[in-house]
Amino acid sequence: MASSDQNIGKGPFDKNDSESTKSYFNNYFDTPINSTPGEVDAVVGHFLKRGFDQVAAVNTASVLLQQADIDEVPVFQLIDTLSGTSDVQLSNIVAQILNLNRSKSSMLGYKSADNGDLFDQRNIIN
């Protein structure tokens, strides 16, 4: 018998039972929602107010809500923290959060300053 976190509360998963298999695969992409509608509206509204498009605000809010749930931090505390940032800082923060939740082969980037110390980084052998 194998068990899965997708099968929690439904009894043990039996790979030989067709009903258990159907139930497992029918509920495979159904993840529980741990946020209240007020939290979702507040986060989406925050990003809309900061100039995000509707789709970008909803997608960014969903990732932020998931990350808040993972870190066990109240989402309103995250919104308060983001309220004190400039638009450039917010873009960098959102890019970092989205990169943490993306595949490693698909990353959002931003330009960092080149410090120009390349000559110090090589080994010189006489």
Protein backbone atom coordinates (compact mmCIF):
# COMPACT_ATOMS: atom_id res chain seq x y z
CA MET A 1 0.00 0.00 0.00
CA ALA A 2 1.23 3.45 -0.91
CA SER A 3 0.07 6.69 0.58
CA SER A 4 0.07 10.22 -0.75
CA ASP A 5 -0.47 13.69 0.65
CA GLN A 6 -3.11 14.22 -2.05
CA ASN A 7 -5.10 11.40 -0.48
CA ILE A 8 -5.21 12.76 3.07
CA GLY A 9 -8.48 12.13 4.82
CA LYS A 10 -9.68 9.66 2.21
CA GLY A 11 -8.16 6.57 3.75
CA PRO A 12 -5.15 4.63 2.52
CA PHE A 13 -4.45 4.55 -1.21
CA ASP A 14 -4.82 1.07 -2.63
CA LYS A 15 -3.31 0.74 -6.10
CA ASN A 16 -5.32 -2.43 -6.72
CA ASP A 17 -8.67 -0.77 -6.02
CA SER A 18 -10.09 1.03 -9.06
CA GLU A 19 -12.28 3.40 -6.99
CA SER A 20 -9.29 4.47 -4.91
CA THR A 21 -7.28 5.06 -8.09
CA LYS A 22 -10.08 7.10 -9.68
CA SER A 23 -10.46 9.16 -6.53
CA TYR A 24 -6.72 9.79 -6.37
CA PHE A 25 -6.41 11.00 -9.97
CA ASN A 26 -9.68 12.95 -9.91
CA ASN A 27 -8.39 14.94 -6.92
CA TYR A 28 -4.73 15.15 -8.02
CA PHE A 29 -4.78 18.85 -8.91
CA ASP A 30 -7.28 19.89 -6.24
CA THR A 31 -5.26 21.67 -3.60
CA PRO A 32 -6.93 23.07 -0.52
CA ILE A 33 -7.41 26.82 -0.35
CA ASN A 34 -6.07 28.24 2.88
CA SER A 35 -6.82 31.94 2.28
CA THR A 36 -10.00 33.83 3.00
CA PRO A 37 -11.69 35.85 0.25
CA GLY A 38 -10.83 39.03 2.16
CA GLU A 39 -7.13 38.19 2.08
CA VAL A 40 -7.26 37.42 -1.63
CA ASP A 41 -9.10 40.67 -2.40
CA ALA A 42 -6.68 42.68 -0.26
CA VAL A 43 -3.57 41.29 -1.94
CA VAL A 44 -4.99 41.62 -5.46
CA GLY A 45 -6.16 45.15 -4.64
CA HIS A 46 -2.71 46.07 -3.34
CA PHE A 47 -1.05 45.06 -6.60
CA LEU A 48 -3.76 46.75 -8.69
CA LYS A 49 -3.20 49.94 -6.71
CA ARG A 50 0.55 49.69 -7.38
CA GLY A 51 -0.06 49.66 -11.16
CA PHE A 52 -0.16 45.94 -11.98
CA ASP A 53 -2.54 44.68 -14.67
CA GLN A 54 -5.47 42.51 -13.53
CA VAL A 55 -3.91 39.22 -14.67
CA ALA A 56 -0.48 40.09 -13.25
CA ALA A 57 -2.03 41.18 -9.94
CA VAL A 58 -4.02 37.95 -9.60
CA ASN A 59 -1.04 35.73 -10.48
CA THR A 60 1.35 37.60 -8.22
CA ALA A 61 -1.20 37.58 -5.40
CA SER A 62 -1.69 33.81 -5.72
CA VAL A 63 2.06 33.18 -5.48
CA LEU A 64 2.35 35.58 -2.54
CA LEU A 65 -0.56 33.89 -0.75
CA GLN A 66 1.03 30.48 -1.29
CA GLN A 67 4.38 31.73 0.00
CA ALA A 68 2.72 33.33 3.04
CA ASP A 69 1.02 30.01 3.78
CA ILE A 70 4.31 28.11 3.42
CA ASP A 71 6.18 30.57 5.66
CA GLU A 72 3.24 30.75 8.09
CA VAL A 73 3.27 34.55 7.95
CA PRO A 74 0.04 36.59 7.94
CA VAL A 75 -0.48 37.94 4.43
CA PHE A 76 -1.46 41.37 5.78
CA GLN A 77 1.98 41.62 7.38
CA LEU A 78 3.54 40.99 3.95
CA ILE A 79 1.34 43.66 2.37
CA ASP A 80 2.36 46.15 5.06
CA THR A 81 6.02 45.35 4.38
CA LEU A 82 5.55 45.82 0.63
CA SER A 83 3.72 49.12 1.13
CA GLY A 84 6.92 50.91 2.14
CA THR A 85 8.84 50.00 -1.02
CA SER A 86 9.40 51.98 -4.19
CA ASP A 87 8.24 50.68 -7.57
CA VAL A 88 11.75 49.49 -8.47
CA GLN A 89 12.16 47.69 -5.14
CA LEU A 90 8.71 46.12 -5.54
CA SER A 91 9.64 44.84 -9.01
CA ASN A 92 12.81 43.25 -7.66
CA ILE A 93 10.98 41.68 -4.71
CA VAL A 94 8.21 40.30 -6.94
CA ALA A 95 10.79 38.92 -9.40
CA GLN A 96 12.60 37.12 -6.57
CA ILE A 97 9.37 35.68 -5.15
CA LEU A 98 8.23 34.51 -8.58
CA ASN A 99 11.66 32.97 -9.30
CA LEU A 100 11.46 30.95 -6.10
CA ASN A 101 8.18 29.47 -7.32
CA ARG A 102 9.24 28.77 -10.91
CA SER A 103 11.17 26.04 -12.63
CA LYS A 104 14.94 26.56 -12.48
CA SER A 105 15.08 26.57 -16.30
CA SER A 106 12.64 29.50 -16.48
CA MET A 107 13.74 32.49 -14.45
CA LEU A 108 12.81 36.15 -14.48
CA GLY A 109 15.84 38.38 -14.49
CA TYR A 110 16.87 41.88 -13.65
CA LYS A 111 20.13 43.66 -14.28
CA SER A 112 22.56 43.95 -11.42
CA ALA A 113 25.38 46.45 -11.27
CA ASP A 114 28.74 45.25 -12.60
CA ASN A 115 31.44 45.98 -10.07
CA GLY A 116 34.28 45.68 -12.63
CA ASP A 117 36.74 43.78 -10.42
CA LEU A 118 37.49 41.08 -12.98
CA PHE A 119 41.28 41.51 -12.86
CA ASP A 120 41.27 40.64 -9.13
CA GLN A 121 39.46 37.38 -9.69
CA ARG A 122 42.10 35.53 -11.71
CA ASN A 123 45.14 33.66 -10.54
CA ILE A 124 48.51 34.95 -11.70
CA ILE A 125 51.23 32.31 -11.99
CA ASN A 126 54.85 33.36 -12.55
